[in-house]
Amino acid sequence: MVVFVCGSCGESVKKAAVDKHCQTKCRNCQSLSCIDCGKDFPGDTFRSHNQCMTEEEKWHGKDAKVKAGGNTGQKKQDAWVESIQNAIPVAKSSNPQLADYLQKLLGYDNMPRKEAKFKV
């Protein structure tokens, strides 16, 4: 989970709550800083900052040991995106509406992989 510090008021804000913070509490928020990596994000550039470093890297710095099988969540996500990309041509011929939905799904950075997340 990414947490930012508001450059105007100094409040810590989770990424999901940044818009609400800027609209209600701190209307003159011009930049945010990531708590973990310390990078500054002016304007809306914070939206592309999904992850920056692991806990190991944060606390051990240059001495951090990177695991060979690390980041399995990203590997699963990439495999899921690839399977959706492969399903689109098949869906175009049999069900064009489904193909449109699958194409929209590819527009999201972190789409769910489990059936329960798709149900409302």
N, C-alpha and C. Protein backbone atom coordinates (compact mmCIF):
# COMPACT_ATOMS: atom_id res chain seq x y z
N MET A 1 0.84 -1.16 0.00
CA MET A 1 0.00 0.00 0.00
C MET A 1 0.89 1.24 0.00
N VAL A 2 0.58 2.14 -0.89
CA VAL A 2 1.37 3.35 -1.01
C VAL A 2 0.73 4.46 -0.17
N VAL A 3 1.57 5.14 0.62
CA VAL A 3 1.11 6.25 1.46
C VAL A 3 1.95 7.47 1.10
N PHE A 4 1.26 8.60 0.98
CA PHE A 4 1.91 9.85 0.62
C PHE A 4 1.81 10.86 1.76
N VAL A 5 2.68 11.84 1.74
CA VAL A 5 2.62 12.98 2.65
C VAL A 5 2.26 14.20 1.82
N CYS A 6 1.24 14.92 2.25
CA CYS A 6 0.82 16.12 1.53
C CYS A 6 1.89 17.19 1.67
N GLY A 7 2.25 17.81 0.55
CA GLY A 7 3.27 18.85 0.56
C GLY A 7 2.82 20.15 1.19
N SER A 8 1.50 20.36 1.31
CA SER A 8 0.99 21.61 1.87
C SER A 8 0.74 21.53 3.36
N CYS A 9 0.03 20.47 3.79
CA CYS A 9 -0.35 20.40 5.20
C CYS A 9 0.43 19.37 6.00
N GLY A 10 1.16 18.46 5.32
CA GLY A 10 1.98 17.47 6.02
C GLY A 10 1.23 16.25 6.49
N GLU A 11 -0.02 16.09 6.12
CA GLU A 11 -0.82 14.95 6.56
C GLU A 11 -0.47 13.71 5.73
N SER A 12 -0.45 12.54 6.37
CA SER A 12 -0.23 11.28 5.67
C SER A 12 -1.55 10.81 5.07
N VAL A 13 -1.50 10.45 3.79
CA VAL A 13 -2.72 10.08 3.07
C VAL A 13 -2.46 8.82 2.26
N LYS A 14 -3.36 7.82 2.40
CA LYS A 14 -3.27 6.62 1.57
C LYS A 14 -3.64 7.00 0.14
N LYS A 15 -3.12 6.25 -0.82
CA LYS A 15 -3.32 6.59 -2.22
C LYS A 15 -4.80 6.68 -2.58
N ALA A 16 -5.60 5.78 -2.04
CA ALA A 16 -7.03 5.77 -2.36
C ALA A 16 -7.75 7.01 -1.84
N ALA A 17 -7.19 7.67 -0.82
CA ALA A 17 -7.85 8.82 -0.21
C ALA A 17 -7.28 10.16 -0.64
N VAL A 18 -6.35 10.16 -1.59
CA VAL A 18 -5.72 11.42 -2.00
C VAL A 18 -6.72 12.37 -2.62
N ASP A 19 -7.57 11.87 -3.52
CA ASP A 19 -8.55 12.75 -4.17
C ASP A 19 -9.47 13.41 -3.15
N LYS A 20 -9.95 12.64 -2.20
CA LYS A 20 -10.83 13.19 -1.16
C LYS A 20 -10.08 14.23 -0.32
N HIS A 21 -8.84 13.94 -0.01
CA HIS A 21 -8.03 14.88 0.77
C HIS A 21 -7.87 16.21 0.03
N CYS A 22 -7.59 16.13 -1.26
CA CYS A 22 -7.37 17.34 -2.06
C CYS A 22 -8.66 18.13 -2.29
N GLN A 23 -9.80 17.46 -2.26
CA GLN A 23 -11.07 18.14 -2.50
C GLN A 23 -11.66 18.74 -1.23
N THR A 24 -11.40 18.11 -0.08
CA THR A 24 -12.07 18.57 1.14
C THR A 24 -11.13 19.20 2.16
N LYS A 25 -10.03 18.55 2.46
CA LYS A 25 -9.18 19.02 3.56
C LYS A 25 -8.12 20.01 3.12
N CYS A 26 -7.50 19.77 1.99
CA CYS A 26 -6.35 20.57 1.59
C CYS A 26 -6.47 20.93 0.11
N ARG A 27 -7.17 21.97 -0.18
CA ARG A 27 -7.43 22.34 -1.58
C ARG A 27 -6.20 22.89 -2.29
N ASN A 28 -5.18 23.32 -1.56
CA ASN A 28 -3.99 23.86 -2.23
C ASN A 28 -2.84 22.86 -2.24
N CYS A 29 -3.16 21.57 -2.21
CA CYS A 29 -2.14 20.52 -2.28
C CYS A 29 -1.57 20.47 -3.70
N GLN A 30 -0.32 20.81 -3.84
CA GLN A 30 0.29 20.85 -5.16
C GLN A 30 1.25 19.68 -5.41
N SER A 31 1.73 19.06 -4.34
CA SER A 31 2.62 17.92 -4.53
C SER A 31 2.47 16.95 -3.36
N LEU A 32 2.80 15.70 -3.64
CA LEU A 32 2.77 14.64 -2.64
C LEU A 32 4.12 13.95 -2.64
N SER A 33 4.53 13.45 -1.49
CA SER A 33 5.79 12.70 -1.37
C SER A 33 5.48 11.29 -0.88
N CYS A 34 6.09 10.30 -1.50
CA CYS A 34 5.91 8.92 -1.06
C CYS A 34 6.68 8.72 0.23
N ILE A 35 6.04 8.10 1.21
CA ILE A 35 6.69 7.87 2.50
C ILE A 35 7.83 6.87 2.35
N ASP A 36 7.65 5.83 1.53
CA ASP A 36 8.65 4.78 1.42
C ASP A 36 9.90 5.20 0.66
N CYS A 37 9.73 5.78 -0.53
CA CYS A 37 10.90 6.08 -1.34
C CYS A 37 11.30 7.56 -1.32
N GLY A 38 10.42 8.44 -0.81
CA GLY A 38 10.75 9.85 -0.68
C GLY A 38 10.64 10.66 -1.96
N LYS A 39 10.15 10.08 -3.05
CA LYS A 39 10.02 10.83 -4.30
C LYS A 39 8.86 11.81 -4.21
N ASP A 40 9.01 12.96 -4.87
CA ASP A 40 7.97 13.97 -4.93
C ASP A 40 7.16 13.79 -6.20
N PHE A 41 5.85 13.96 -6.08
CA PHE A 41 4.94 13.82 -7.21
C PHE A 41 4.08 15.07 -7.33
N PRO A 42 4.43 15.98 -8.25
CA PRO A 42 3.62 17.18 -8.42
C PRO A 42 2.33 16.86 -9.19
N GLY A 43 1.26 17.55 -8.86
CA GLY A 43 0.00 17.38 -9.57
C GLY A 43 -0.56 15.98 -9.46
N ASP A 44 -0.99 15.41 -10.60
CA ASP A 44 -1.59 14.08 -10.63
C ASP A 44 -0.60 12.98 -10.95
N THR A 45 0.68 13.26 -10.92
CA THR A 45 1.68 12.25 -11.28
C THR A 45 1.74 11.10 -10.27
N PHE A 46 1.17 11.29 -9.08
CA PHE A 46 1.17 10.24 -8.05
C PHE A 46 0.38 9.02 -8.50
N ARG A 47 -0.55 9.18 -9.42
CA ARG A 47 -1.42 8.07 -9.84
C ARG A 47 -0.64 6.90 -10.44
N SER A 48 0.48 7.18 -11.07
CA SER A 48 1.26 6.10 -11.69
C SER A 48 2.18 5.40 -10.68
N HIS A 49 2.23 5.88 -9.46
CA HIS A 49 3.11 5.30 -8.44
C HIS A 49 2.36 4.22 -7.67
N ASN A 50 2.49 2.97 -8.11
CA ASN A 50 1.76 1.86 -7.50
C ASN A 50 2.59 1.11 -6.47
N GLN A 51 3.87 0.99 -6.73
CA GLN A 51 4.78 0.35 -5.78
C GLN A 51 6.16 0.92 -5.98
N CYS A 52 6.95 0.97 -4.92
CA CYS A 52 8.27 1.57 -5.10
C CYS A 52 9.38 0.68 -4.56
N MET A 53 9.22 0.11 -3.39
CA MET A 53 10.28 -0.74 -2.85
C MET A 53 9.68 -1.73 -1.86
N THR A 54 10.39 -2.81 -1.65
CA THR A 54 9.95 -3.80 -0.69
C THR A 54 10.38 -3.39 0.71
N GLU A 55 9.84 -4.04 1.71
CA GLU A 55 10.24 -3.77 3.10
C GLU A 55 11.73 -4.06 3.28
N GLU A 56 12.19 -5.11 2.63
CA GLU A 56 13.62 -5.48 2.71
C GLU A 56 14.49 -4.33 2.20
N GLU A 57 14.14 -3.77 1.06
CA GLU A 57 14.91 -2.66 0.49
C GLU A 57 14.81 -1.41 1.35
N LYS A 58 13.65 -1.21 1.93
CA LYS A 58 13.43 -0.02 2.74
C LYS A 58 14.32 -0.01 3.98
N TRP A 59 14.42 -1.15 4.65
CA TRP A 59 15.13 -1.20 5.92
C TRP A 59 16.60 -1.58 5.79
N HIS A 60 16.98 -2.26 4.71
CA HIS A 60 18.36 -2.71 4.57
C HIS A 60 19.13 -1.96 3.47
N GLY A 61 18.44 -1.12 2.72
CA GLY A 61 19.09 -0.30 1.71
C GLY A 61 19.87 -1.10 0.68
N LYS A 62 21.11 -0.71 0.45
CA LYS A 62 21.91 -1.36 -0.59
C LYS A 62 22.29 -2.79 -0.22
N ASP A 63 22.19 -3.16 1.07
CA ASP A 63 22.52 -4.51 1.50
C ASP A 63 21.35 -5.48 1.38
N ALA A 64 20.22 -5.02 0.86
CA ALA A 64 19.03 -5.87 0.74
C ALA A 64 19.30 -7.02 -0.22
N LYS A 65 18.81 -8.19 0.15
CA LYS A 65 18.95 -9.37 -0.69
C LYS A 65 17.65 -9.56 -1.46
N VAL A 66 17.75 -9.51 -2.78
CA VAL A 66 16.58 -9.68 -3.61
C VAL A 66 16.35 -11.17 -3.83
N LYS A 67 15.15 -11.64 -3.53
CA LYS A 67 14.82 -13.05 -3.69
C LYS A 67 14.65 -13.38 -5.16
N ALA A 68 15.11 -14.56 -5.55
CA ALA A 68 15.04 -14.99 -6.95
C ALA A 68 13.60 -15.16 -7.40
N GLY A 69 12.74 -15.67 -6.54
CA GLY A 69 11.34 -15.91 -6.90
C GLY A 69 10.44 -14.78 -6.46
N GLY A 70 11.00 -13.62 -6.22
CA GLY A 70 10.22 -12.50 -5.72
C GLY A 70 9.24 -11.95 -6.73
N ASN A 71 8.32 -11.17 -6.23
CA ASN A 71 7.31 -10.49 -7.04
C ASN A 71 6.42 -11.47 -7.79
N THR A 72 5.98 -12.52 -7.10
CA THR A 72 5.12 -13.51 -7.74
C THR A 72 3.75 -12.94 -8.06
N GLY A 73 3.31 -11.95 -7.29
CA GLY A 73 2.02 -11.32 -7.58
C GLY A 73 2.02 -10.65 -8.95
N GLN A 74 3.13 -9.99 -9.28
CA GLN A 74 3.24 -9.35 -10.59
C GLN A 74 3.31 -10.39 -11.70
N LYS A 75 3.96 -11.51 -11.44
CA LYS A 75 4.04 -12.57 -12.44
C LYS A 75 2.64 -13.14 -12.71
N LYS A 76 1.86 -13.34 -11.64
CA LYS A 76 0.49 -13.84 -11.81
C LYS A 76 -0.36 -12.83 -12.57
N GLN A 77 -0.17 -11.55 -12.24
CA GLN A 77 -0.93 -10.50 -12.92
C GLN A 77 -0.59 -10.48 -14.41
N ASP A 78 0.69 -10.60 -14.74
CA ASP A 78 1.12 -10.61 -16.14
C ASP A 78 0.55 -11.81 -16.90
N ALA A 79 0.52 -12.97 -16.25
CA ALA A 79 -0.04 -14.16 -16.87
C ALA A 79 -1.54 -13.99 -17.11
N TRP A 80 -2.22 -13.37 -16.16
CA TRP A 80 -3.66 -13.11 -16.28
C TRP A 80 -3.94 -12.15 -17.44
N VAL A 81 -3.14 -11.10 -17.56
CA VAL A 81 -3.31 -10.13 -18.65
C VAL A 81 -3.08 -10.82 -19.99
N GLU A 82 -2.08 -11.67 -20.05
CA GLU A 82 -1.80 -12.39 -21.29
C GLU A 82 -2.96 -13.30 -21.68
N SER A 83 -3.57 -13.97 -20.70
CA SER A 83 -4.70 -14.85 -21.01
C SER A 83 -5.90 -14.05 -21.51
N ILE A 84 -6.10 -12.85 -20.98
CA ILE A 84 -7.19 -12.00 -21.47
C ILE A 84 -6.91 -11.53 -22.88
N GLN A 85 -5.65 -11.16 -23.15
CA GLN A 85 -5.27 -10.74 -24.51
C GLN A 85 -5.49 -11.86 -25.52
N ASN A 86 -5.24 -13.10 -25.10
CA ASN A 86 -5.44 -14.25 -25.99
C ASN A 86 -6.92 -14.56 -26.18
N ALA A 87 -7.76 -14.21 -25.21
CA ALA A 87 -9.19 -14.50 -25.29
C ALA A 87 -9.94 -13.49 -26.16
N ILE A 88 -9.39 -12.31 -26.35
CA ILE A 88 -10.10 -11.26 -27.10
C ILE A 88 -10.37 -11.67 -28.56
N PRO A 89 -9.38 -12.19 -29.31
CA PRO A 89 -9.69 -12.59 -30.70
C PRO A 89 -10.75 -13.68 -30.79
N VAL A 90 -10.74 -14.60 -29.86
CA VAL A 90 -11.74 -15.67 -29.85
C VAL A 90 -13.12 -15.09 -29.56
N ALA A 91 -13.19 -14.15 -28.61
CA ALA A 91 -14.46 -13.56 -28.23
C ALA A 91 -15.02 -12.66 -29.33
N LYS A 92 -14.16 -12.03 -30.13
CA LYS A 92 -14.64 -11.15 -31.20
C LYS A 92 -15.50 -11.91 -32.20
N SER A 93 -15.12 -13.15 -32.49
CA SER A 93 -15.89 -13.93 -33.46
C SER A 93 -17.16 -14.52 -32.87
N SER A 94 -17.15 -14.88 -31.60
CA SER A 94 -18.32 -15.52 -31.01
C SER A 94 -19.22 -14.57 -30.23
N ASN A 95 -18.62 -13.59 -29.53
CA ASN A 95 -19.41 -12.69 -28.70
C ASN A 95 -18.73 -11.31 -28.67
N PRO A 96 -19.08 -10.42 -29.58
CA PRO A 96 -18.42 -9.11 -29.67
C PRO A 96 -18.56 -8.26 -28.39
N GLN A 97 -19.69 -8.40 -27.71
CA GLN A 97 -19.88 -7.62 -26.48
C GLN A 97 -18.88 -8.06 -25.41
N LEU A 98 -18.64 -9.35 -25.30
CA LEU A 98 -17.65 -9.87 -24.36
C LEU A 98 -16.26 -9.36 -24.72
N ALA A 99 -15.96 -9.31 -26.00
CA ALA A 99 -14.66 -8.81 -26.45
C ALA A 99 -14.47 -7.35 -26.04
N ASP A 100 -15.54 -6.56 -26.10
CA ASP A 100 -15.47 -5.16 -25.67
C ASP A 100 -15.18 -5.07 -24.17
N TYR A 101 -15.83 -5.91 -23.38
CA TYR A 101 -15.59 -5.93 -21.93
C TYR A 101 -14.16 -6.32 -21.61
N LEU A 102 -13.67 -7.33 -22.31
CA LEU A 102 -12.29 -7.77 -22.08
C LEU A 102 -11.30 -6.67 -22.46
N GLN A 103 -11.59 -5.94 -23.52
CA GLN A 103 -10.72 -4.85 -23.94
C GLN A 103 -10.70 -3.74 -22.88
N LYS A 104 -11.86 -3.44 -22.30
CA LYS A 104 -11.93 -2.44 -21.22
C LYS A 104 -11.15 -2.90 -20.00
N LEU A 105 -11.23 -4.19 -19.72
CA LEU A 105 -10.52 -4.74 -18.56
C LEU A 105 -9.02 -4.55 -18.69
N LEU A 106 -8.50 -4.61 -19.89
CA LEU A 106 -7.07 -4.43 -20.11
C LEU A 106 -6.61 -3.01 -19.78
N GLY A 107 -7.55 -2.07 -19.72
CA GLY A 107 -7.20 -0.69 -19.41
C GLY A 107 -6.87 -0.45 -17.95
N TYR A 108 -7.18 -1.41 -17.08
CA TYR A 108 -6.92 -1.26 -15.66
C TYR A 108 -5.54 -1.77 -15.29
N ASP A 109 -4.88 -1.09 -14.34
CA ASP A 109 -3.55 -1.49 -13.92
C ASP A 109 -3.54 -2.80 -13.15
N ASN A 110 -4.50 -2.95 -12.25
CA ASN A 110 -4.51 -4.12 -11.38
C ASN A 110 -5.90 -4.73 -11.40
N MET A 111 -6.15 -5.56 -12.39
CA MET A 111 -7.47 -6.17 -12.50
C MET A 111 -7.56 -7.42 -11.64
N PRO A 112 -8.74 -7.71 -11.10
CA PRO A 112 -8.88 -8.89 -10.24
C PRO A 112 -8.74 -10.18 -11.04
N ARG A 113 -8.27 -11.22 -10.35
CA ARG A 113 -8.10 -12.52 -10.98
C ARG A 113 -9.12 -13.54 -10.48
N LYS A 114 -9.81 -13.22 -9.38
CA LYS A 114 -10.74 -14.18 -8.79
C LYS A 114 -12.18 -13.78 -9.11
N GLU A 115 -13.02 -14.79 -9.27
CA GLU A 115 -14.41 -14.58 -9.68
C GLU A 115 -15.19 -13.70 -8.69
N ALA A 116 -14.94 -13.85 -7.41
CA ALA A 116 -15.69 -13.10 -6.40
C ALA A 116 -15.50 -11.59 -6.55
N LYS A 117 -14.36 -11.14 -7.00
CA LYS A 117 -14.10 -9.72 -7.17
C LYS A 117 -14.89 -9.11 -8.34
N PHE A 118 -15.33 -9.94 -9.28
CA PHE A 118 -16.09 -9.44 -10.41
C PHE A 118 -17.57 -9.28 -10.07
N LYS A 119 -18.03 -9.98 -9.06
CA LYS A 119 -19.44 -9.91 -8.69
C LYS A 119 -19.70 -8.68 -7.84
N VAL A 120 -20.82 -8.07 -8.07
CA VAL A 120 -21.17 -6.85 -7.32
C VAL A 120 -22.01 -7.20 -6.12
